[in-house]
Amino acid sequence: MRRLLATTWTARHRRPAGDVLPSIASLSSPCSCGAILTEAVPRKFILALLCCSTLAAQQLATKYGITVQYDADFTGHSWKQEPKLTQQEIGTDIPEGVAPLRPVLQLKGRLPGRADDNTIEVTPLGDRSVHDFAKAYPGLNSSAVALRALLARSQLPGMKALEKADPGTVDAVYSLCARVERVESPWVRGFVFLVQTTQEESGDLPNNRELTYQFLGITRDGAYLVAATFAVNHASILKEPVYANAQKLRDSERQLAGFDENSFQPPLSRLKAVIRSMAAAH
């Protein structure tokens, strides 16, 4: 039946010889329901399908001088600005959110219960409105110093070193860390890795409620620290948190390292592509 439909369509829409592509043996499209067209089809039709497919797969988020591309793993995006907050203003409270005014991109994901757990935060490493950056933003400053030192080395950092370079670990620590990779683009360079955090002595085994793919990097000009977090799932790990001792967590890191990167949801290769797509908007 599929063959008959493809042949009938071609007969009704045949074009002169100069306007067709001969014998495309492996072209398929979302609206063909998996049919393989073995007859000649109009060139313009093929190009339109390819263009529509590309546009549907890639979306562009541009604001605050930053542009990011993402694909169908995310259904949309929104931008916001997190307000400036100094250590002096927060006093003795937990120093969460202590940083200059900064843009945050939120990508709307598809994972149930974790659609909002996908953010890219671009934090300036300078602020002319304060007299002493290191005193105004001590946690951010120390994280940037640590991250620069890690980027200057050839070897990949371990869990404790990455934790020290993460400005988001204010009242928690890393409980597990796996699949550390260096990711670089013309605009930013840094590290991606799978991570879970804890406020306890140990932590939970990898699970689909907590597992996160994280990026920590600094722009090539040294002006911004880029921190991105993406919710990820895997069919072979627990659905819910289960507390475990340190040895079991180390074993679980090796398990995570053994999975194919594209067996995660979203695939880790596509999340790395989002990071590499980041650039200054012109």
C-alpha atoms as a PDB file:
ATOM      1  CA  MET A   1       0.000   0.000   0.000  1.00  0.00           C
ATOM      2  CA  ARG A   2       2.817   2.457   0.876  1.00  0.00           C
ATOM      3  CA  ARG A   3       4.534   1.695  -2.431  1.00  0.00           C
ATOM      4  CA  LEU A   4       1.295   2.327  -4.342  1.00  0.00           C
ATOM      5  CA  LEU A   5       0.722   5.658  -2.587  1.00  0.00           C
ATOM      6  CA  ALA A   6       4.273   6.816  -3.319  1.00  0.00           C
ATOM      7  CA  THR A   7       3.963   5.841  -7.005  1.00  0.00           C
ATOM      8  CA  THR A   8       0.551   7.501  -7.362  1.00  0.00           C
ATOM      9  CA  TRP A   9       1.780  10.753  -5.782  1.00  0.00           C
ATOM     10  CA  THR A  10       4.757  10.845  -8.157  1.00  0.00           C
ATOM     11  CA  ALA A  11       2.563  10.267 -11.209  1.00  0.00           C
ATOM     12  CA  ARG A  12       0.283  13.159 -10.291  1.00  0.00           C
ATOM     13  CA  HIS A  13       3.069  15.611  -9.531  1.00  0.00           C
ATOM     14  CA  ARG A  14       5.702  14.694 -12.098  1.00  0.00           C
ATOM     15  CA  ARG A  15       7.817  17.618 -13.307  1.00  0.00           C
ATOM     16  CA  PRO A  16      10.003  18.099 -16.361  1.00  0.00           C
ATOM     17  CA  ALA A  17      13.316  16.229 -16.278  1.00  0.00           C
ATOM     18  CA  GLY A  18      15.296  19.248 -15.177  1.00  0.00           C
ATOM     19  CA  ASP A  19      13.197  19.716 -12.057  1.00  0.00           C
ATOM     20  CA  VAL A  20      13.432  16.282 -10.405  1.00  0.00           C
ATOM     21  CA  LEU A  21      15.957  14.232  -8.485  1.00  0.00           C
ATOM     22  CA  PRO A  22      16.243  10.697  -9.908  1.00  0.00           C
ATOM     23  CA  SER A  23      15.709   7.583  -7.815  1.00  0.00           C
ATOM     24  CA  ILE A  24      16.053   8.669  -4.137  1.00  0.00           C
ATOM     25  CA  ALA A  25      16.215   5.265  -2.471  1.00  0.00           C
ATOM     26  CA  SER A  26      16.368   6.210   1.171  1.00  0.00           C
ATOM     27  CA  LEU A  27      14.473   9.469   1.684  1.00  0.00           C
ATOM     28  CA  SER A  28      11.859   9.504   4.421  1.00  0.00           C
ATOM     29  CA  SER A  29       9.980  12.268   6.204  1.00  0.00           C
ATOM     30  CA  PRO A  30       7.805  12.605   9.330  1.00  0.00           C
ATOM     31  CA  CYS A  31       4.671  12.702   7.188  1.00  0.00           C
ATOM     32  CA  SER A  32       5.552   9.604   5.151  1.00  0.00           C
ATOM     33  CA  CYS A  33       4.961   7.242   8.135  1.00  0.00           C
ATOM     34  CA  GLY A  34       8.228   5.445   7.375  1.00  0.00           C
ATOM     35  CA  ALA A  35       7.551   4.962   3.648  1.00  0.00           C
ATOM     36  CA  ILE A  36      10.588   4.797   1.389  1.00  0.00           C
ATOM     37  CA  LEU A  37      10.133   6.646  -1.899  1.00  0.00           C
ATOM     38  CA  THR A  38      11.766   4.788  -4.764  1.00  0.00           C
ATOM     39  CA  GLU A  39      10.328   6.970  -7.548  1.00  0.00           C
ATOM     40  CA  ALA A  40      11.601  10.375  -8.632  1.00  0.00           C
ATOM     41  CA  VAL A  41      10.153  13.248  -6.581  1.00  0.00           C
ATOM     42  CA  PRO A  42      10.227  17.013  -7.141  1.00  0.00           C
ATOM     43  CA  ARG A  43      13.452  18.699  -6.080  1.00  0.00           C
ATOM     44  CA  LYS A  44      11.605  21.619  -4.500  1.00  0.00           C
ATOM     45  CA  PHE A  45       9.537  19.219  -2.393  1.00  0.00           C
ATOM     46  CA  ILE A  46      12.658  17.511  -1.064  1.00  0.00           C
ATOM     47  CA  LEU A  47      14.373  20.803  -0.225  1.00  0.00           C
ATOM     48  CA  ALA A  48      11.251  22.062   1.546  1.00  0.00           C
ATOM     49  CA  LEU A  49      11.135  18.923   3.691  1.00  0.00           C
ATOM     50  CA  LEU A  50      14.801  19.239   4.634  1.00  0.00           C
ATOM     51  CA  CYS A  51      14.453  22.927   5.508  1.00  0.00           C
ATOM     52  CA  CYS A  52      11.331  22.333   7.612  1.00  0.00           C
ATOM     53  CA  SER A  53      13.038  19.462   9.429  1.00  0.00           C
ATOM     54  CA  THR A  54      16.052  21.625  10.269  1.00  0.00           C
ATOM     55  CA  LEU A  55      13.912  24.514  11.483  1.00  0.00           C
ATOM     56  CA  ALA A  56      11.789  22.218  13.632  1.00  0.00           C
ATOM     57  CA  ALA A  57      14.847  20.610  15.198  1.00  0.00           C
ATOM     58  CA  GLN A  58      16.768  23.800  16.046  1.00  0.00           C
ATOM     59  CA  GLN A  59      15.478  26.799  18.000  1.00  0.00           C
ATOM     60  CA  LEU A  60      17.371  29.967  18.839  1.00  0.00           C
ATOM     61  CA  ALA A  61      17.293  31.754  22.194  1.00  0.00           C
ATOM     62  CA  THR A  62      18.818  35.231  22.021  1.00  0.00           C
ATOM     63  CA  LYS A  63      18.807  37.958  24.665  1.00  0.00           C
ATOM     64  CA  TYR A  64      21.174  39.954  26.877  1.00  0.00           C
ATOM     65  CA  GLY A  65      23.905  39.681  24.251  1.00  0.00           C
ATOM     66  CA  ILE A  66      23.890  35.861  24.310  1.00  0.00           C
ATOM     67  CA  THR A  67      22.629  33.342  21.771  1.00  0.00           C
ATOM     68  CA  VAL A  68      21.983  29.634  22.386  1.00  0.00           C
ATOM     69  CA  GLN A  69      20.692  26.943  20.025  1.00  0.00           C
ATOM     70  CA  TYR A  70      18.657  23.976  21.226  1.00  0.00           C
ATOM     71  CA  ASP A  71      16.710  21.167  19.598  1.00  0.00           C
ATOM     72  CA  ALA A  72      13.511  19.181  20.100  1.00  0.00           C
ATOM     73  CA  ASP A  73      14.657  17.840  23.489  1.00  0.00           C
ATOM     74  CA  PHE A  74      13.211  21.122  24.778  1.00  0.00           C
ATOM     75  CA  THR A  75       9.794  22.588  24.019  1.00  0.00           C
ATOM     76  CA  GLY A  76      10.641  26.248  24.567  1.00  0.00           C
ATOM     77  CA  HIS A  77      12.635  28.756  26.589  1.00  0.00           C
ATOM     78  CA  SER A  78      12.435  31.882  28.709  1.00  0.00           C
ATOM     79  CA  TRP A  79      14.932  34.467  29.909  1.00  0.00           C
ATOM     80  CA  LYS A  80      15.149  36.271  33.220  1.00  0.00           C
ATOM     81  CA  GLN A  81      17.649  38.348  35.154  1.00  0.00           C
ATOM     82  CA  GLU A  82      18.711  37.345  38.638  1.00  0.00           C
ATOM     83  CA  PRO A  83      19.239  40.439  40.817  1.00  0.00           C
ATOM     84  CA  LYS A  84      22.554  41.621  42.177  1.00  0.00           C
ATOM     85  CA  LEU A  85      23.208  40.462  45.747  1.00  0.00           C
ATOM     86  CA  THR A  86      26.434  41.082  47.688  1.00  0.00           C
ATOM     87  CA  GLN A  87      27.836  39.316  50.740  1.00  0.00           C
ATOM     88  CA  GLN A  88      27.428  42.529  52.712  1.00  0.00           C
ATOM     89  CA  GLU A  89      23.716  42.663  51.867  1.00  0.00           C
ATOM     90  CA  ILE A  90      23.036  39.064  52.868  1.00  0.00           C
ATOM     91  CA  GLY A  91      25.012  39.278  56.108  1.00  0.00           C
ATOM     92  CA  THR A  92      25.213  36.012  58.052  1.00  0.00           C
ATOM     93  CA  ASP A  93      22.518  34.188  56.072  1.00  0.00           C
ATOM     94  CA  ILE A  94      23.357  31.294  53.745  1.00  0.00           C
ATOM     95  CA  PRO A  95      25.114  33.038  50.825  1.00  0.00           C
ATOM     96  CA  GLU A  96      22.791  31.678  48.150  1.00  0.00           C
ATOM     97  CA  GLY A  97      22.503  33.850  45.051  1.00  0.00           C
ATOM     98  CA  VAL A  98      25.425  36.117  45.972  1.00  0.00           C
ATOM     99  CA  ALA A  99      26.501  37.408  42.550  1.00  0.00           C
ATOM    100  CA  PRO A 100      26.183  40.406  40.229  1.00  0.00           C
ATOM    101  CA  LEU A 101      23.133  41.006  38.046  1.00  0.00           C
ATOM    102  CA  ARG A 102      23.104  38.138  35.528  1.00  0.00           C
ATOM    103  CA  PRO A 103      20.985  36.577  32.783  1.00  0.00           C
ATOM    104  CA  VAL A 104      19.525  33.092  33.162  1.00  0.00           C
ATOM    105  CA  LEU A 105      18.119  31.014  30.318  1.00  0.00           C
ATOM    106  CA  GLN A 106      15.567  28.374  31.261  1.00  0.00           C
ATOM    107  CA  LEU A 107      14.863  25.597  28.756  1.00  0.00           C
ATOM    108  CA  LYS A 108      11.558  23.752  29.051  1.00  0.00           C
ATOM    109  CA  GLY A 109      12.374  20.047  29.086  1.00  0.00           C
ATOM    110  CA  ARG A 110      10.311  16.941  28.374  1.00  0.00           C
ATOM    111  CA  LEU A 111      11.149  14.763  31.405  1.00  0.00           C
ATOM    112  CA  PRO A 112       8.110  14.245  33.688  1.00  0.00           C
ATOM    113  CA  GLY A 113       8.403  16.259  36.880  1.00  0.00           C
ATOM    114  CA  ARG A 114      11.668  17.896  35.817  1.00  0.00           C
ATOM    115  CA  ALA A 115      10.651  20.113  32.913  1.00  0.00           C
ATOM    116  CA  ASP A 116      11.957  23.234  34.671  1.00  0.00           C
ATOM    117  CA  ASP A 117      15.306  21.779  35.795  1.00  0.00           C
ATOM    118  CA  ASN A 118      17.285  23.066  32.814  1.00  0.00           C
ATOM    119  CA  THR A 119      19.095  26.378  33.162  1.00  0.00           C
ATOM    120  CA  ILE A 120      22.094  28.245  31.782  1.00  0.00           C
ATOM    121  CA  GLU A 121      23.397  31.054  33.972  1.00  0.00           C
ATOM    122  CA  VAL A 122      25.984  33.519  32.668  1.00  0.00           C
ATOM    123  CA  THR A 123      27.551  35.426  35.565  1.00  0.00           C
ATOM    124  CA  PRO A 124      29.868  38.424  35.110  1.00  0.00           C
ATOM    125  CA  LEU A 125      33.242  38.125  36.812  1.00  0.00           C
ATOM    126  CA  GLY A 126      33.492  41.874  37.178  1.00  0.00           C
ATOM    127  CA  ASP A 127      31.226  44.535  38.662  1.00  0.00           C
ATOM    128  CA  ARG A 128      32.060  48.235  38.506  1.00  0.00           C
ATOM    129  CA  SER A 129      29.356  49.021  41.056  1.00  0.00           C
ATOM    130  CA  VAL A 130      31.369  47.432  43.879  1.00  0.00           C
ATOM    131  CA  HIS A 131      34.745  48.552  45.209  1.00  0.00           C
ATOM    132  CA  ASP A 132      36.169  45.039  45.772  1.00  0.00           C
ATOM    133  CA  PHE A 133      34.730  42.158  43.708  1.00  0.00           C
ATOM    134  CA  ALA A 134      36.318  39.451  45.866  1.00  0.00           C
ATOM    135  CA  LYS A 135      34.811  40.898  49.042  1.00  0.00           C
ATOM    136  CA  ALA A 136      31.407  41.566  47.497  1.00  0.00           C
ATOM    137  CA  TYR A 137      31.146  38.087  45.960  1.00  0.00           C
ATOM    138  CA  PRO A 138      33.619  35.838  47.832  1.00  0.00           C
ATOM    139  CA  GLY A 139      32.092  32.483  46.866  1.00  0.00           C
ATOM    140  CA  LEU A 140      31.812  33.346  43.178  1.00  0.00           C
ATOM    141  CA  ASN A 141      35.331  34.764  43.129  1.00  0.00           C
ATOM    142  CA  SER A 142      36.893  31.686  44.760  1.00  0.00           C
ATOM    143  CA  SER A 143      34.979  29.389  42.387  1.00  0.00           C
ATOM    144  CA  ALA A 144      36.251  31.327  39.377  1.00  0.00           C
ATOM    145  CA  VAL A 145      39.836  31.144  40.650  1.00  0.00           C
ATOM    146  CA  ALA A 146      39.509  27.386  41.163  1.00  0.00           C
ATOM    147  CA  LEU A 147      37.905  26.845  37.749  1.00  0.00           C
ATOM    148  CA  ARG A 148      40.611  28.835  35.948  1.00  0.00           C
ATOM    149  CA  ALA A 149      43.237  26.666  37.629  1.00  0.00           C
ATOM    150  CA  LEU A 150      41.472  23.478  36.505  1.00  0.00           C
ATOM    151  CA  LEU A 151      41.204  24.723  32.921  1.00  0.00           C
ATOM    152  CA  ALA A 152      44.927  25.458  32.868  1.00  0.00           C
ATOM    153  CA  ARG A 153      45.746  21.802  33.536  1.00  0.00           C
ATOM    154  CA  SER A 154      45.752  19.019  30.989  1.00  0.00           C
ATOM    155  CA  GLN A 155      44.252  16.349  33.243  1.00  0.00           C
ATOM    156  CA  LEU A 156      40.542  16.093  34.019  1.00  0.00           C
ATOM    157  CA  PRO A 157      39.496  17.190  37.511  1.00  0.00           C
ATOM    158  CA  GLY A 158      37.972  14.947  40.148  1.00  0.00           C
ATOM    159  CA  MET A 159      34.785  15.386  42.152  1.00  0.00           C
ATOM    160  CA  LYS A 160      36.182  17.508  44.979  1.00  0.00           C
ATOM    161  CA  ALA A 161      37.997  19.853  42.588  1.00  0.00           C
ATOM    162  CA  LEU A 162      34.833  20.423  40.538  1.00  0.00           C
ATOM    163  CA  GLU A 163      32.804  20.966  43.697  1.00  0.00           C
ATOM    164  CA  LYS A 164      35.232  23.689  44.749  1.00  0.00           C
ATOM    165  CA  ALA A 165      34.823  25.356  41.345  1.00  0.00           C
ATOM    166  CA  ASP A 166      31.015  25.279  41.490  1.00  0.00           C
ATOM    167  CA  PRO A 167      29.505  28.535  42.808  1.00  0.00           C
ATOM    168  CA  GLY A 168      26.162  26.758  43.267  1.00  0.00           C
ATOM    169  CA  THR A 169      27.348  24.426  46.036  1.00  0.00           C
ATOM    170  CA  VAL A 170      26.499  26.767  48.897  1.00  0.00           C
ATOM    171  CA  ASP A 171      24.724  24.482  51.362  1.00  0.00           C
ATOM    172  CA  ALA A 172      25.337  21.098  49.710  1.00  0.00           C
ATOM    173  CA  VAL A 173      28.200  18.950  48.414  1.00  0.00           C
ATOM    174  CA  TYR A 174      28.648  16.560  45.512  1.00  0.00           C
ATOM    175  CA  SER A 175      27.678  13.004  46.446  1.00  0.00           C
ATOM    176  CA  LEU A 176      28.623  11.475  43.080  1.00  0.00           C
ATOM    177  CA  CYS A 177      30.315  12.683  39.918  1.00  0.00           C
ATOM    178  CA  ALA A 178      30.876  10.779  36.667  1.00  0.00           C
ATOM    179  CA  ARG A 179      31.726  11.137  32.975  1.00  0.00           C
ATOM    180  CA  VAL A 180      33.850  14.270  33.319  1.00  0.00           C
ATOM    181  CA  GLU A 181      34.758  15.708  29.918  1.00  0.00           C
ATOM    182  CA  ARG A 182      36.333  18.896  28.676  1.00  0.00           C
ATOM    183  CA  VAL A 183      34.076  20.883  26.324  1.00  0.00           C
ATOM    184  CA  GLU A 184      35.325  23.840  24.328  1.00  0.00           C
ATOM    185  CA  SER A 185      33.919  26.225  21.744  1.00  0.00           C
ATOM    186  CA  PRO A 186      35.075  29.525  20.260  1.00  0.00           C
ATOM    187  CA  TRP A 187      33.191  31.341  23.049  1.00  0.00           C
ATOM    188  CA  VAL A 188      33.533  29.216  26.197  1.00  0.00           C
ATOM    189  CA  ARG A 189      35.548  26.334  27.629  1.00  0.00           C
ATOM    190  CA  GLY A 190      34.900  24.156  30.634  1.00  0.00           C
ATOM    191  CA  PHE A 191      33.838  20.747  31.914  1.00  0.00           C
ATOM    192  CA  VAL A 192      30.660  18.672  31.656  1.00  0.00           C
ATOM    193  CA  PHE A 193      29.806  15.866  34.059  1.00  0.00           C
ATOM    194  CA  LEU A 194      26.983  13.921  35.679  1.00  0.00           C
ATOM    195  CA  VAL A 195      26.370  14.912  39.277  1.00  0.00           C
ATOM    196  CA  GLN A 196      24.116  14.577  42.297  1.00  0.00           C
ATOM    197  CA  THR A 197      24.386  16.602  45.496  1.00  0.00           C
ATOM    198  CA  THR A 198      23.620  15.948  49.141  1.00  0.00           C
ATOM    199  CA  GLN A 199      23.355  17.652  52.516  1.00  0.00           C
ATOM    200  CA  GLU A 200      24.005  14.377  54.319  1.00  0.00           C
ATOM    201  CA  GLU A 201      27.172  12.449  55.122  1.00  0.00           C
ATOM    202  CA  SER A 202      26.663  10.275  52.059  1.00  0.00           C
ATOM    203  CA  GLY A 203      24.044  10.500  49.274  1.00  0.00           C
ATOM    204  CA  ASP A 204      21.570   8.777  46.999  1.00  0.00           C
ATOM    205  CA  LEU A 205      22.342   6.263  44.287  1.00  0.00           C
ATOM    206  CA  PRO A 206      21.926   7.610  40.731  1.00  0.00           C
ATOM    207  CA  ASN A 207      18.229   8.141  40.126  1.00  0.00           C
ATOM    208  CA  ASN A 208      15.912   9.846  37.697  1.00  0.00           C
ATOM    209  CA  ARG A 209      14.729  12.401  40.253  1.00  0.00           C
ATOM    210  CA  GLU A 210      18.150  13.893  40.916  1.00  0.00           C
ATOM    211  CA  LEU A 211      20.672  13.026  38.208  1.00  0.00           C
ATOM    212  CA  THR A 212      21.928  16.185  36.489  1.00  0.00           C
ATOM    213  CA  TYR A 213      24.260  16.888  33.591  1.00  0.00           C
ATOM    214  CA  GLN A 214      26.256  19.967  34.533  1.00  0.00           C
ATOM    215  CA  PHE A 215      28.623  22.351  32.795  1.00  0.00           C
ATOM    216  CA  LEU A 216      31.075  24.703  34.486  1.00  0.00           C
ATOM    217  CA  GLY A 217      33.080  27.005  32.252  1.00  0.00           C
ATOM    218  CA  ILE A 218      34.583  30.416  31.685  1.00  0.00           C
ATOM    219  CA  THR A 219      34.290  32.436  28.506  1.00  0.00           C
ATOM    220  CA  ARG A 220      37.405  32.827  26.384  1.00  0.00           C
ATOM    221  CA  ASP A 221      37.743  36.479  27.346  1.00  0.00           C
ATOM    222  CA  GLY A 222      37.554  35.593  31.058  1.00  0.00           C
ATOM    223  CA  ALA A 223      34.599  37.914  31.589  1.00  0.00           C
ATOM    224  CA  TYR A 224      31.895  35.382  32.536  1.00  0.00           C
ATOM    225  CA  LEU A 225      31.414  32.148  34.436  1.00  0.00           C
ATOM    226  CA  VAL A 226      28.909  29.890  32.692  1.00  0.00           C
ATOM    227  CA  ALA A 227      27.026  27.309  34.762  1.00  0.00           C
ATOM    228  CA  ALA A 228      24.485  25.043  33.072  1.00  0.00           C
ATOM    229  CA  THR A 229      22.372  22.247  34.534  1.00  0.00           C
ATOM    230  CA  PHE A 230      20.203  19.766  32.625  1.00  0.00           C
ATOM    231  CA  ALA A 231      17.888  17.120  34.068  1.00  0.00           C
ATOM    232  CA  VAL A 232      18.699  13.678  32.651  1.00  0.00           C
ATOM    233  CA  ASN A 233      17.207  10.195  32.945  1.00  0.00           C
ATOM    234  CA  HIS A 234      18.414   6.703  32.157  1.00  0.00           C
ATOM    235  CA  ALA A 235      16.375   3.526  31.833  1.00  0.00           C
ATOM    236  CA  SER A 236      18.919   1.470  33.819  1.00  0.00           C
ATOM    237  CA  ILE A 237      19.037   3.547  37.001  1.00  0.00           C
ATOM    238  CA  LEU A 238      16.576   3.923  39.870  1.00  0.00           C
ATOM    239  CA  LYS A 239      13.422   5.969  39.419  1.00  0.00           C
ATOM    240  CA  GLU A 240      13.467   7.262  43.014  1.00  0.00           C
ATOM    241  CA  PRO A 241      16.265   8.172  45.488  1.00  0.00           C
ATOM    242  CA  VAL A 242      17.808   5.406  47.599  1.00  0.00           C
ATOM    243  CA  TYR A 243      20.387   6.413  50.201  1.00  0.00           C
ATOM    244  CA  ALA A 244      23.688   4.512  50.019  1.00  0.00           C
ATOM    245  CA  ASN A 245      27.180   4.500  51.512  1.00  0.00           C
ATOM    246  CA  ALA A 246      30.217   6.019  49.827  1.00  0.00           C
ATOM    247  CA  GLN A 247      31.491   2.734  48.348  1.00  0.00           C
ATOM    248  CA  LYS A 248      28.203   2.065  46.577  1.00  0.00           C
ATOM    249  CA  LEU A 249      28.251   5.612  45.216  1.00  0.00           C
ATOM    250  CA  ARG A 250      31.727   5.061  43.766  1.00  0.00           C
ATOM    251  CA  ASP A 251      30.508   1.832  42.166  1.00  0.00           C
ATOM    252  CA  SER A 252      27.541   3.686  40.704  1.00  0.00           C
ATOM    253  CA  GLU A 253      29.868   6.247  39.120  1.00  0.00           C
ATOM    254  CA  ARG A 254      31.564   3.455  37.202  1.00  0.00           C
ATOM    255  CA  GLN A 255      28.149   2.213  36.098  1.00  0.00           C
ATOM    256  CA  LEU A 256      27.233   5.660  34.764  1.00  0.00           C
ATOM    257  CA  ALA A 257      30.558   5.881  32.956  1.00  0.00           C
ATOM    258  CA  GLY A 258      29.842   2.610  31.160  1.00  0.00           C
ATOM    259  CA  PHE A 259      26.579   3.707  29.557  1.00  0.00           C
ATOM    260  CA  ASP A 260      26.543   4.971  25.981  1.00  0.00           C
ATOM    261  CA  GLU A 261      26.181   8.767  26.043  1.00  0.00           C
ATOM    262  CA  ASN A 262      23.186   8.581  23.732  1.00  0.00           C
ATOM    263  CA  SER A 263      21.331   6.109  25.950  1.00  0.00           C
ATOM    264  CA  PHE A 264      20.500   8.970  28.341  1.00  0.00           C
ATOM    265  CA  GLN A 265      17.441  11.161  27.918  1.00  0.00           C
ATOM    266  CA  PRO A 266      18.137  13.708  26.603  1.00  0.00           C
ATOM    267  CA  PRO A 267      21.248  12.264  24.887  1.00  0.00           C
ATOM    268  CA  LEU A 268      24.397  13.746  26.403  1.00  0.00           C
ATOM    269  CA  SER A 269      25.821  14.430  22.942  1.00  0.00           C
ATOM    270  CA  ARG A 270      22.950  16.819  22.226  1.00  0.00           C
ATOM    271  CA  LEU A 271      23.349  18.580  25.564  1.00  0.00           C
ATOM    272  CA  LYS A 272      27.010  19.148  24.760  1.00  0.00           C
ATOM    273  CA  ALA A 273      25.903  20.592  21.432  1.00  0.00           C
ATOM    274  CA  VAL A 274      23.756  23.125  23.316  1.00  0.00           C
ATOM    275  CA  ILE A 275      26.820  24.227  25.304  1.00  0.00           C
ATOM    276  CA  ARG A 276      28.979  24.489  22.185  1.00  0.00           C
ATOM    277  CA  SER A 277      26.314  26.564  20.447  1.00  0.00           C
ATOM    278  CA  MET A 278      26.577  29.376  22.989  1.00  0.00           C
ATOM    279  CA  ALA A 279      27.980  32.588  21.549  1.00  0.00           C
ATOM    280  CA  ALA A 280      27.911  36.337  21.868  1.00  0.00           C
ATOM    281  CA  ALA A 281      24.951  37.745  19.941  1.00  0.00           C
ATOM    282  CA  HIS A 282      25.870  40.199  17.199  1.00  0.00           C
END
